[in-house]
Amino acid sequence: MPFTFKKAEHRIVNVDDIVEFPTCLGSKCLLLKKLGLNAYLNTEEEILEALTESANNPEFLEICLKSSRCSVFWEKFSQGITPFMQYDPVYLHEYNGRYWAVEGKHRVCLAKRAGVKKLEALVWTLEEDTESLLPKEGKPGRFKFCYSYIDPPKARGEKVILWIKSSPEVPLRGLENYPLILDERFNTKGEFITIFQGLRFRVSVTKAKDGAKKILGLFLSQTITKVETEVIIDPDHKKTKIWLLKVPAEEDLFSKPLGMTDIKTVYRYGCWRRCHFKWLNSICVGFFQNV
């Protein structure tokens, strides 16, 4: 995601002001292994939850302090020194007094877990908040959407937009990267498709002849196309990013960015950030029709 920032400046930062545990810790993190997590296969949500919930458990802190890497970090931190700042600085993003780790994630993680009060860092001050987590919204359940149109098309009703971030198990090309409209292009003929654990959808398309209408002096029959979409999100769905929205079907999504339409969040879960919201409201969903 694009962001803008000023030149990095040297600061002494209160560790409590670093708002989250960093999740990109790589395969060498012994703690993740002890927690039964894989740095590359588990989702950001699963890792963040595990790190947060285990933070106050002395047993897990002991695991960190016994690892070869973190034991060296702790030796320096206990002397009031931020490890390896001379040739491998800790980098942070900052907005309005809140910080997020960019580089030096293992050192930041240990500092937060071990109760280090302050650390040394190079800080990029963001010109706008792109990092804060968006709150969860809505509840899991069964969601139905419907729109129809008559040739020539002028749609009525509402369409559903689904945006997810997950592992390569996602069966639909493009769905794991971009917000996509689950319209008639995804016609499943009424059969449910499971995207991943706890998330499935179906799309059914029906066509029917309407009464004849006089057009240019001729009575011509019209075809009504009806598209019904159903999305089911189970309470125990996979802990990952899910963002379900609805938008009036009559909006011209091919020429208007989403910010110009009446979009509404139906359900949102996971580590969605302010930058995602900005991107969602600045792109044209029509661009992704051919993804």
C-alpha atoms as a PDB file:
ATOM      1  CA  MET A   1       0.000   0.000   0.000  1.00  0.00           C
ATOM      2  CA  PRO A   2       1.308   3.463  -0.817  1.00  0.00           C
ATOM      3  CA  PHE A   3       2.177   5.809   2.031  1.00  0.00           C
ATOM      4  CA  THR A   4       4.065   9.064   2.484  1.00  0.00           C
ATOM      5  CA  PHE A   5       6.433   9.975   5.268  1.00  0.00           C
ATOM      6  CA  LYS A   6       9.047  12.512   6.230  1.00  0.00           C
ATOM      7  CA  LYS A   7      12.749  11.819   6.636  1.00  0.00           C
ATOM      8  CA  ALA A   8      13.502   9.319   9.411  1.00  0.00           C
ATOM      9  CA  GLU A   9      14.671  10.891  12.661  1.00  0.00           C
ATOM     10  CA  HIS A  10      16.476   9.396  15.627  1.00  0.00           C
ATOM     11  CA  ARG A  11      14.313   9.029  18.753  1.00  0.00           C
ATOM     12  CA  ILE A  12      14.162   7.337  22.120  1.00  0.00           C
ATOM     13  CA  VAL A  13      10.718   5.722  22.058  1.00  0.00           C
ATOM     14  CA  ASN A  14       8.537   4.463  24.899  1.00  0.00           C
ATOM     15  CA  VAL A  15       8.008   0.785  24.148  1.00  0.00           C
ATOM     16  CA  ASP A  16       4.416   1.007  25.433  1.00  0.00           C
ATOM     17  CA  ASP A  17       3.707   3.411  22.561  1.00  0.00           C
ATOM     18  CA  ILE A  18       4.481   0.654  20.031  1.00  0.00           C
ATOM     19  CA  VAL A  19       0.894  -0.476  19.707  1.00  0.00           C
ATOM     20  CA  GLU A  20       1.198  -4.021  18.327  1.00  0.00           C
ATOM     21  CA  PHE A  21       3.452  -7.023  18.354  1.00  0.00           C
ATOM     22  CA  PRO A  22       5.055  -7.338  14.915  1.00  0.00           C
ATOM     23  CA  THR A  23       3.849 -10.462  13.124  1.00  0.00           C
ATOM     24  CA  CYS A  24       6.445 -10.923  10.354  1.00  0.00           C
ATOM     25  CA  LEU A  25       9.000 -12.729  12.507  1.00  0.00           C
ATOM     26  CA  GLY A  26      10.231 -15.336  10.043  1.00  0.00           C
ATOM     27  CA  SER A  27      11.038 -19.012  10.483  1.00  0.00           C
ATOM     28  CA  LYS A  28      13.787 -18.478  13.083  1.00  0.00           C
ATOM     29  CA  CYS A  29      11.371 -17.391  15.822  1.00  0.00           C
ATOM     30  CA  LEU A  30      11.462 -20.146  18.441  1.00  0.00           C
ATOM     31  CA  LEU A  31       8.399 -18.752  20.205  1.00  0.00           C
ATOM     32  CA  LEU A  32       6.176 -19.183  17.146  1.00  0.00           C
ATOM     33  CA  LYS A  33       7.256 -22.804  16.870  1.00  0.00           C
ATOM     34  CA  LYS A  34       6.432 -23.400  20.550  1.00  0.00           C
ATOM     35  CA  LEU A  35       3.037 -21.809  19.971  1.00  0.00           C
ATOM     36  CA  GLY A  36       2.444 -24.260  17.114  1.00  0.00           C
ATOM     37  CA  LEU A  37       2.549 -21.567  14.431  1.00  0.00           C
ATOM     38  CA  ASN A  38       4.307 -21.329  11.093  1.00  0.00           C
ATOM     39  CA  ALA A  39       5.539 -17.856  10.165  1.00  0.00           C
ATOM     40  CA  TYR A  40       4.638 -18.394   6.504  1.00  0.00           C
ATOM     41  CA  LEU A  41       1.515 -20.571   6.661  1.00  0.00           C
ATOM     42  CA  ASN A  42      -0.433 -19.042   9.528  1.00  0.00           C
ATOM     43  CA  THR A  43      -2.308 -15.799   8.981  1.00  0.00           C
ATOM     44  CA  GLU A  44      -1.359 -12.430  10.427  1.00  0.00           C
ATOM     45  CA  GLU A  45      -4.467 -12.624  12.605  1.00  0.00           C
ATOM     46  CA  GLU A  46      -3.490 -16.000  14.086  1.00  0.00           C
ATOM     47  CA  ILE A  47       0.060 -14.847  14.839  1.00  0.00           C
ATOM     48  CA  LEU A  48      -0.984 -11.501  16.334  1.00  0.00           C
ATOM     49  CA  GLU A  49      -3.567 -13.163  18.580  1.00  0.00           C
ATOM     50  CA  ALA A  50      -1.083 -15.779  19.803  1.00  0.00           C
ATOM     51  CA  LEU A  51       1.647 -13.236  20.501  1.00  0.00           C
ATOM     52  CA  THR A  52      -0.751 -10.940  22.346  1.00  0.00           C
ATOM     53  CA  GLU A  53      -2.388 -13.649  24.451  1.00  0.00           C
ATOM     54  CA  SER A  54       0.946 -15.211  25.462  1.00  0.00           C
ATOM     55  CA  ALA A  55       2.631 -11.898  26.305  1.00  0.00           C
ATOM     56  CA  ASN A  56       2.018 -12.059  30.070  1.00  0.00           C
ATOM     57  CA  ASN A  57       2.913 -15.723  30.476  1.00  0.00           C
ATOM     58  CA  PRO A  58       6.393 -16.122  32.084  1.00  0.00           C
ATOM     59  CA  GLU A  59       6.809 -19.542  30.440  1.00  0.00           C
ATOM     60  CA  PHE A  60       6.730 -18.035  26.974  1.00  0.00           C
ATOM     61  CA  LEU A  61       9.049 -15.191  27.928  1.00  0.00           C
ATOM     62  CA  GLU A  62      11.536 -17.830  29.128  1.00  0.00           C
ATOM     63  CA  ILE A  63      11.385 -19.452  25.681  1.00  0.00           C
ATOM     64  CA  CYS A  64      12.353 -16.122  24.102  1.00  0.00           C
ATOM     65  CA  LEU A  65      15.189 -15.473  26.543  1.00  0.00           C
ATOM     66  CA  LYS A  66      16.667 -18.931  25.936  1.00  0.00           C
ATOM     67  CA  SER A  67      16.802 -18.548  22.164  1.00  0.00           C
ATOM     68  CA  SER A  68      20.234 -17.648  20.857  1.00  0.00           C
ATOM     69  CA  ARG A  69      19.094 -14.506  19.046  1.00  0.00           C
ATOM     70  CA  CYS A  70      16.802 -13.046  21.696  1.00  0.00           C
ATOM     71  CA  SER A  71      19.172 -13.851  24.557  1.00  0.00           C
ATOM     72  CA  VAL A  72      21.723 -11.552  22.903  1.00  0.00           C
ATOM     73  CA  PHE A  73      19.041  -8.891  22.485  1.00  0.00           C
ATOM     74  CA  TRP A  74      18.069  -9.176  26.150  1.00  0.00           C
ATOM     75  CA  GLU A  75      21.680  -8.875  27.296  1.00  0.00           C
ATOM     76  CA  LYS A  76      21.912  -5.501  25.516  1.00  0.00           C
ATOM     77  CA  PHE A  77      18.446  -4.297  26.535  1.00  0.00           C
ATOM     78  CA  SER A  78      19.192  -5.068  30.204  1.00  0.00           C
ATOM     79  CA  GLN A  79      22.167  -2.678  29.905  1.00  0.00           C
ATOM     80  CA  GLY A  80      19.934   0.072  28.534  1.00  0.00           C
ATOM     81  CA  ILE A  81      21.269  -0.442  24.986  1.00  0.00           C
ATOM     82  CA  THR A  82      19.160  -1.107  21.892  1.00  0.00           C
ATOM     83  CA  PRO A  83      20.962  -4.019  20.165  1.00  0.00           C
ATOM     84  CA  PHE A  84      22.837  -3.480  16.901  1.00  0.00           C
ATOM     85  CA  MET A  85      21.611   0.060  16.242  1.00  0.00           C
ATOM     86  CA  GLN A  86      24.969   0.971  14.711  1.00  0.00           C
ATOM     87  CA  TYR A  87      24.650  -1.252  11.646  1.00  0.00           C
ATOM     88  CA  ASP A  88      21.078  -2.598  11.755  1.00  0.00           C
ATOM     89  CA  PRO A  89      18.777   0.130  13.153  1.00  0.00           C
ATOM     90  CA  VAL A  90      15.266  -0.398  14.428  1.00  0.00           C
ATOM     91  CA  TYR A  91      12.860   1.472  12.132  1.00  0.00           C
ATOM     92  CA  LEU A  92       9.379   2.512  13.193  1.00  0.00           C
ATOM     93  CA  HIS A  93       6.403   4.263  11.627  1.00  0.00           C
ATOM     94  CA  GLU A  94       4.769   6.906  13.820  1.00  0.00           C
ATOM     95  CA  TYR A  95       1.463   8.726  13.646  1.00  0.00           C
ATOM     96  CA  ASN A  96       0.064  10.891  16.435  1.00  0.00           C
ATOM     97  CA  GLY A  97       2.310   9.377  19.091  1.00  0.00           C
ATOM     98  CA  ARG A  98       1.648   5.749  18.141  1.00  0.00           C
ATOM     99  CA  TYR A  99       4.320   3.497  16.617  1.00  0.00           C
ATOM    100  CA  TRP A 100       4.507   0.380  14.434  1.00  0.00           C
ATOM    101  CA  ALA A 101       7.570  -1.764  13.733  1.00  0.00           C
ATOM    102  CA  VAL A 102       9.022  -1.719  10.212  1.00  0.00           C
ATOM    103  CA  GLU A 103      12.518  -3.179  10.743  1.00  0.00           C
ATOM    104  CA  GLY A 104      13.943  -4.784  13.853  1.00  0.00           C
ATOM    105  CA  LYS A 105      10.753  -6.705  14.501  1.00  0.00           C
ATOM    106  CA  HIS A 106      12.383  -9.373  16.696  1.00  0.00           C
ATOM    107  CA  ARG A 107      13.939  -6.705  18.913  1.00  0.00           C
ATOM    108  CA  VAL A 108      10.637  -4.847  19.183  1.00  0.00           C
ATOM    109  CA  CYS A 109       8.778  -8.076  20.007  1.00  0.00           C
ATOM    110  CA  LEU A 110      11.234  -8.981  22.757  1.00  0.00           C
ATOM    111  CA  ALA A 111      11.236  -5.438  24.152  1.00  0.00           C
ATOM    112  CA  LYS A 112       7.447  -5.502  24.489  1.00  0.00           C
ATOM    113  CA  ARG A 113       7.409  -8.989  26.020  1.00  0.00           C
ATOM    114  CA  ALA A 114      10.280  -8.412  28.436  1.00  0.00           C
ATOM    115  CA  GLY A 115       9.034  -5.097  29.794  1.00  0.00           C
ATOM    116  CA  VAL A 116      11.745  -2.902  28.269  1.00  0.00           C
ATOM    117  CA  LYS A 117      10.747   0.711  28.917  1.00  0.00           C
ATOM    118  CA  LYS A 118      12.507   2.552  26.085  1.00  0.00           C
ATOM    119  CA  LEU A 119      14.376   1.742  22.914  1.00  0.00           C
ATOM    120  CA  GLU A 120      16.341   3.623  20.307  1.00  0.00           C
ATOM    121  CA  ALA A 121      14.909   3.835  16.798  1.00  0.00           C
ATOM    122  CA  LEU A 122      14.864   5.692  13.528  1.00  0.00           C
ATOM    123  CA  VAL A 123      11.318   6.931  13.053  1.00  0.00           C
ATOM    124  CA  TRP A 124       9.374   7.797   9.919  1.00  0.00           C
ATOM    125  CA  THR A 125       6.507  10.139  10.748  1.00  0.00           C
ATOM    126  CA  LEU A 126       3.509   9.375   8.557  1.00  0.00           C
ATOM    127  CA  GLU A 127       1.606  12.287   7.045  1.00  0.00           C
ATOM    128  CA  GLU A 128      -1.624  10.332   7.485  1.00  0.00           C
ATOM    129  CA  ASP A 129      -2.688   7.291   9.454  1.00  0.00           C
ATOM    130  CA  THR A 130      -2.242   4.244   7.236  1.00  0.00           C
ATOM    131  CA  GLU A 131      -1.407   1.743   9.984  1.00  0.00           C
ATOM    132  CA  SER A 132      -4.198   1.760  12.580  1.00  0.00           C
ATOM    133  CA  LEU A 133      -6.341  -1.356  12.587  1.00  0.00           C
ATOM    134  CA  LEU A 134      -9.936  -0.914  11.499  1.00  0.00           C
ATOM    135  CA  PRO A 135     -12.449  -2.220  14.070  1.00  0.00           C
ATOM    136  CA  LYS A 136     -14.336  -5.437  13.567  1.00  0.00           C
ATOM    137  CA  GLU A 137     -17.837  -4.881  12.254  1.00  0.00           C
ATOM    138  CA  GLY A 138     -20.958  -7.018  11.971  1.00  0.00           C
ATOM    139  CA  LYS A 139     -21.539 -10.600  13.054  1.00  0.00           C
ATOM    140  CA  PRO A 140     -21.065 -13.917  11.235  1.00  0.00           C
ATOM    141  CA  GLY A 141     -24.182 -15.242   9.563  1.00  0.00           C
ATOM    142  CA  ARG A 142     -26.030 -15.842   6.312  1.00  0.00           C
ATOM    143  CA  PHE A 143     -26.196 -12.847   3.970  1.00  0.00           C
ATOM    144  CA  LYS A 144     -28.391 -12.636   0.875  1.00  0.00           C
ATOM    145  CA  PHE A 145     -28.207 -10.106  -1.946  1.00  0.00           C
ATOM    146  CA  CYS A 146     -30.221  -9.741  -5.113  1.00  0.00           C
ATOM    147  CA  TYR A 147     -30.316  -7.507  -8.168  1.00  0.00           C
ATOM    148  CA  SER A 148     -32.067  -7.674 -11.518  1.00  0.00           C
ATOM    149  CA  TYR A 149     -31.997  -5.884 -14.829  1.00  0.00           C
ATOM    150  CA  ILE A 150     -33.851  -5.752 -18.124  1.00  0.00           C
ATOM    151  CA  ASP A 151     -32.058  -5.652 -21.479  1.00  0.00           C
ATOM    152  CA  PRO A 152     -30.769  -3.090 -22.167  1.00  0.00           C
ATOM    153  CA  PRO A 153     -29.386  -3.357 -18.634  1.00  0.00           C
ATOM    154  CA  LYS A 154     -30.395  -0.997 -15.898  1.00  0.00           C
ATOM    155  CA  ALA A 155     -29.825  -2.827 -12.663  1.00  0.00           C
ATOM    156  CA  ARG A 156     -31.966  -2.593  -9.543  1.00  0.00           C
ATOM    157  CA  GLY A 157     -31.216  -4.063  -6.117  1.00  0.00           C
ATOM    158  CA  GLU A 158     -27.834  -4.537  -4.472  1.00  0.00           C
ATOM    159  CA  LYS A 159     -24.559  -6.238  -5.294  1.00  0.00           C
ATOM    160  CA  VAL A 160     -22.100  -7.773  -2.859  1.00  0.00           C
ATOM    161  CA  ILE A 161     -18.377  -7.086  -2.769  1.00  0.00           C
ATOM    162  CA  LEU A 162     -16.027  -9.562  -1.105  1.00  0.00           C
ATOM    163  CA  TRP A 163     -12.399  -8.852  -0.235  1.00  0.00           C
ATOM    164  CA  ILE A 164     -10.251 -11.403   1.555  1.00  0.00           C
ATOM    165  CA  LYS A 165      -6.621 -11.992   2.355  1.00  0.00           C
ATOM    166  CA  SER A 166      -5.719 -15.591   2.892  1.00  0.00           C
ATOM    167  CA  SER A 167      -3.442 -18.449   1.926  1.00  0.00           C
ATOM    168  CA  PRO A 168      -3.081 -19.938  -1.577  1.00  0.00           C
ATOM    169  CA  GLU A 169      -5.959 -22.334  -0.830  1.00  0.00           C
ATOM    170  CA  VAL A 170      -8.395 -19.724  -2.191  1.00  0.00           C
ATOM    171  CA  PRO A 171      -9.938 -21.337  -5.315  1.00  0.00           C
ATOM    172  CA  LEU A 172     -10.938 -18.168  -7.178  1.00  0.00           C
ATOM    173  CA  ARG A 173      -8.262 -16.260  -9.061  1.00  0.00           C
ATOM    174  CA  GLY A 174      -8.029 -12.647  -7.940  1.00  0.00           C
ATOM    175  CA  LEU A 175     -10.342 -12.989  -4.951  1.00  0.00           C
ATOM    176  CA  GLU A 176      -7.475 -13.220  -2.476  1.00  0.00           C
ATOM    177  CA  ASN A 177      -5.939  -9.943  -3.671  1.00  0.00           C
ATOM    178  CA  TYR A 178      -8.663  -7.509  -4.677  1.00  0.00           C
ATOM    179  CA  PRO A 179     -12.226  -6.585  -3.741  1.00  0.00           C
ATOM    180  CA  LEU A 180     -14.427  -8.310  -6.293  1.00  0.00           C
ATOM    181  CA  ILE A 181     -18.134  -8.126  -7.074  1.00  0.00           C
ATOM    182  CA  LEU A 182     -19.768 -11.546  -6.699  1.00  0.00           C
ATOM    183  CA  ASP A 183     -22.106 -11.000  -9.623  1.00  0.00           C
ATOM    184  CA  GLU A 184     -23.222 -13.212 -12.515  1.00  0.00           C
ATOM    185  CA  ARG A 185     -19.623 -13.743 -13.631  1.00  0.00           C
ATOM    186  CA  PHE A 186     -19.299 -16.022 -10.606  1.00  0.00           C
ATOM    187  CA  ASN A 187     -22.440 -17.998 -11.419  1.00  0.00           C
ATOM    188  CA  THR A 188     -22.259 -21.242  -9.416  1.00  0.00           C
ATOM    189  CA  LYS A 189     -25.735 -22.352 -10.573  1.00  0.00           C
ATOM    190  CA  GLY A 190     -26.886 -22.227  -6.977  1.00  0.00           C
ATOM    191  CA  GLU A 191     -24.185 -24.540  -5.644  1.00  0.00           C
ATOM    192  CA  PHE A 192     -22.102 -23.386  -2.693  1.00  0.00           C
ATOM    193  CA  ILE A 193     -18.364 -22.942  -3.167  1.00  0.00           C
ATOM    194  CA  THR A 194     -16.159 -23.028  -0.075  1.00  0.00           C
ATOM    195  CA  ILE A 195     -13.456 -20.363  -0.220  1.00  0.00           C
ATOM    196  CA  PHE A 196     -11.811 -21.501   3.012  1.00  0.00           C
ATOM    197  CA  GLN A 197     -12.895 -22.775   6.423  1.00  0.00           C
ATOM    198  CA  GLY A 198     -16.135 -21.067   7.422  1.00  0.00           C
ATOM    199  CA  LEU A 199     -16.603 -18.930   4.304  1.00  0.00           C
ATOM    200  CA  ARG A 200     -18.697 -20.027   1.318  1.00  0.00           C
ATOM    201  CA  PHE A 201     -20.951 -18.471  -1.273  1.00  0.00           C
ATOM    202  CA  ARG A 202     -23.288 -19.272  -4.128  1.00  0.00           C
ATOM    203  CA  VAL A 203     -24.593 -17.278  -7.081  1.00  0.00           C
ATOM    204  CA  SER A 204     -27.655 -18.185  -9.123  1.00  0.00           C
ATOM    205  CA  VAL A 205     -28.732 -16.471 -12.337  1.00  0.00           C
ATOM    206  CA  THR A 206     -32.228 -16.786 -13.808  1.00  0.00           C
ATOM    207  CA  LYS A 207     -33.685 -15.246 -16.940  1.00  0.00           C
ATOM    208  CA  ALA A 208     -37.363 -14.764 -17.782  1.00  0.00           C
ATOM    209  CA  LYS A 209     -39.324 -13.047 -20.523  1.00  0.00           C
ATOM    210  CA  ASP A 210     -41.192  -9.885 -19.587  1.00  0.00           C
ATOM    211  CA  GLY A 211     -44.319  -8.611 -21.252  1.00  0.00           C
ATOM    212  CA  ALA A 212     -43.908  -7.018 -24.664  1.00  0.00           C
ATOM    213  CA  LYS A 213     -43.010  -3.335 -24.719  1.00  0.00           C
ATOM    214  CA  LYS A 214     -43.488  -0.916 -27.580  1.00  0.00           C
ATOM    215  CA  ILE A 215     -40.077   0.273 -28.739  1.00  0.00           C
ATOM    216  CA  LEU A 216     -39.804   2.470 -31.856  1.00  0.00           C
ATOM    217  CA  GLY A 217     -43.269   1.394 -32.920  1.00  0.00           C
ATOM    218  CA  LEU A 218     -42.569  -2.302 -32.467  1.00  0.00           C
ATOM    219  CA  PHE A 219     -43.730  -4.578 -29.671  1.00  0.00           C
ATOM    220  CA  LEU A 220     -40.624  -6.364 -28.396  1.00  0.00           C
ATOM    221  CA  SER A 221     -40.318  -8.809 -25.544  1.00  0.00           C
ATOM    222  CA  GLN A 222     -37.817  -8.094 -22.783  1.00  0.00           C
ATOM    223  CA  THR A 223     -35.613 -10.439 -20.791  1.00  0.00           C
ATOM    224  CA  ILE A 224     -35.384  -9.970 -17.045  1.00  0.00           C
ATOM    225  CA  THR A 225     -32.119 -11.242 -15.556  1.00  0.00           C
ATOM    226  CA  LYS A 226     -32.166 -11.898 -11.827  1.00  0.00           C
ATOM    227  CA  VAL A 227     -28.950 -12.528  -9.879  1.00  0.00           C
ATOM    228  CA  GLU A 228     -29.082 -13.866  -6.327  1.00  0.00           C
ATOM    229  CA  THR A 229     -25.949 -14.139  -4.183  1.00  0.00           C
ATOM    230  CA  GLU A 230     -25.702 -15.772  -0.780  1.00  0.00           C
ATOM    231  CA  VAL A 231     -22.630 -15.624   1.465  1.00  0.00           C
ATOM    232  CA  ILE A 232     -22.332 -17.697   4.624  1.00  0.00           C
ATOM    233  CA  ILE A 233     -19.766 -16.769   7.256  1.00  0.00           C
ATOM    234  CA  ASP A 234     -19.565 -19.219  10.154  1.00  0.00           C
ATOM    235  CA  PRO A 235     -18.647 -18.032  13.680  1.00  0.00           C
ATOM    236  CA  ASP A 236     -15.599 -20.340  13.655  1.00  0.00           C
ATOM    237  CA  HIS A 237     -14.325 -19.169  10.268  1.00  0.00           C
ATOM    238  CA  LYS A 238     -10.608 -19.093   9.572  1.00  0.00           C
ATOM    239  CA  LYS A 239      -8.866 -16.249  11.390  1.00  0.00           C
ATOM    240  CA  THR A 240      -7.956 -14.095   8.431  1.00  0.00           C
ATOM    241  CA  LYS A 241      -9.100 -10.940   6.672  1.00  0.00           C
ATOM    242  CA  ILE A 242     -12.721 -10.973   5.490  1.00  0.00           C
ATOM    243  CA  TRP A 243     -14.470  -7.818   4.308  1.00  0.00           C
ATOM    244  CA  LEU A 244     -18.025  -8.118   2.978  1.00  0.00           C
ATOM    245  CA  LEU A 245     -19.737  -5.015   1.574  1.00  0.00           C
ATOM    246  CA  LYS A 246     -22.867  -4.169  -0.347  1.00  0.00           C
ATOM    247  CA  VAL A 247     -23.427  -1.489  -2.959  1.00  0.00           C
ATOM    248  CA  PRO A 248     -26.511  -0.367  -4.903  1.00  0.00           C
ATOM    249  CA  ALA A 249     -26.617  -2.315  -8.144  1.00  0.00           C
ATOM    250  CA  GLU A 250     -27.629   0.753 -10.153  1.00  0.00           C
ATOM    251  CA  GLU A 251     -24.319   2.478  -9.435  1.00  0.00           C
ATOM    252  CA  ASP A 252     -21.994   2.653 -12.427  1.00  0.00           C
ATOM    253  CA  LEU A 253     -19.046   0.816 -10.917  1.00  0.00           C
ATOM    254  CA  PHE A 254     -17.130   0.934 -14.175  1.00  0.00           C
ATOM    255  CA  SER A 255     -16.750   4.706 -14.110  1.00  0.00           C
ATOM    256  CA  LYS A 256     -17.018   5.707 -10.452  1.00  0.00           C
ATOM    257  CA  PRO A 257     -14.580   4.977  -7.656  1.00  0.00           C
ATOM    258  CA  LEU A 258     -16.087   3.215  -4.680  1.00  0.00           C
ATOM    259  CA  GLY A 259     -15.896   6.376  -2.618  1.00  0.00           C
ATOM    260  CA  MET A 260     -18.591   7.876  -4.860  1.00  0.00           C
ATOM    261  CA  THR A 261     -21.031   5.064  -4.234  1.00  0.00           C
ATOM    262  CA  ASP A 262     -23.160   4.191  -1.248  1.00  0.00           C
ATOM    263  CA  ILE A 263     -21.071   1.264  -0.017  1.00  0.00           C
ATOM    264  CA  LYS A 264     -21.816  -0.276   3.357  1.00  0.00           C
ATOM    265  CA  THR A 265     -19.811  -2.779   5.366  1.00  0.00           C
ATOM    266  CA  VAL A 266     -21.803  -5.903   6.196  1.00  0.00           C
ATOM    267  CA  TYR A 267     -19.029  -7.828   7.926  1.00  0.00           C
ATOM    268  CA  ARG A 268     -15.360  -7.117   8.573  1.00  0.00           C
ATOM    269  CA  TYR A 269     -12.855  -9.251  10.459  1.00  0.00           C
ATOM    270  CA  GLY A 270      -9.083  -9.332  10.674  1.00  0.00           C
ATOM    271  CA  CYS A 271      -6.110  -6.994  10.449  1.00  0.00           C
ATOM    272  CA  TRP A 272      -7.521  -4.513   7.964  1.00  0.00           C
ATOM    273  CA  ARG A 273      -5.768  -1.158   8.258  1.00  0.00           C
ATOM    274  CA  ARG A 274      -6.483   2.437   7.390  1.00  0.00           C
ATOM    275  CA  CYS A 275      -4.491   2.040   4.179  1.00  0.00           C
ATOM    276  CA  HIS A 276      -6.921  -0.683   3.043  1.00  0.00           C
ATOM    277  CA  PHE A 277      -9.868   1.630   3.673  1.00  0.00           C
ATOM    278  CA  LYS A 278      -8.220   4.391   1.664  1.00  0.00           C
ATOM    279  CA  TRP A 279      -7.467   2.009  -1.185  1.00  0.00           C
ATOM    280  CA  LEU A 280     -11.003   0.618  -1.168  1.00  0.00           C
ATOM    281  CA  ASN A 281     -12.416   4.116  -1.465  1.00  0.00           C
ATOM    282  CA  SER A 282     -10.095   5.240  -4.244  1.00  0.00           C
ATOM    283  CA  ILE A 283     -10.144   2.342  -6.687  1.00  0.00           C
ATOM    284  CA  CYS A 284     -12.721   1.557  -9.334  1.00  0.00           C
ATOM    285  CA  VAL A 285     -14.118  -1.926  -8.809  1.00  0.00           C
ATOM    286  CA  GLY A 286     -14.814  -2.107 -12.517  1.00  0.00           C
ATOM    287  CA  PHE A 287     -11.075  -2.308 -13.055  1.00  0.00           C
ATOM    288  CA  PHE A 288     -11.120  -5.703 -11.405  1.00  0.00           C
ATOM    289  CA  GLN A 289     -13.940  -7.111 -13.495  1.00  0.00           C
ATOM    290  CA  ASN A 290     -11.395  -8.772 -15.770  1.00  0.00           C
ATOM    291  CA  VAL A 291      -8.885  -9.854 -13.119  1.00  0.00           C
END
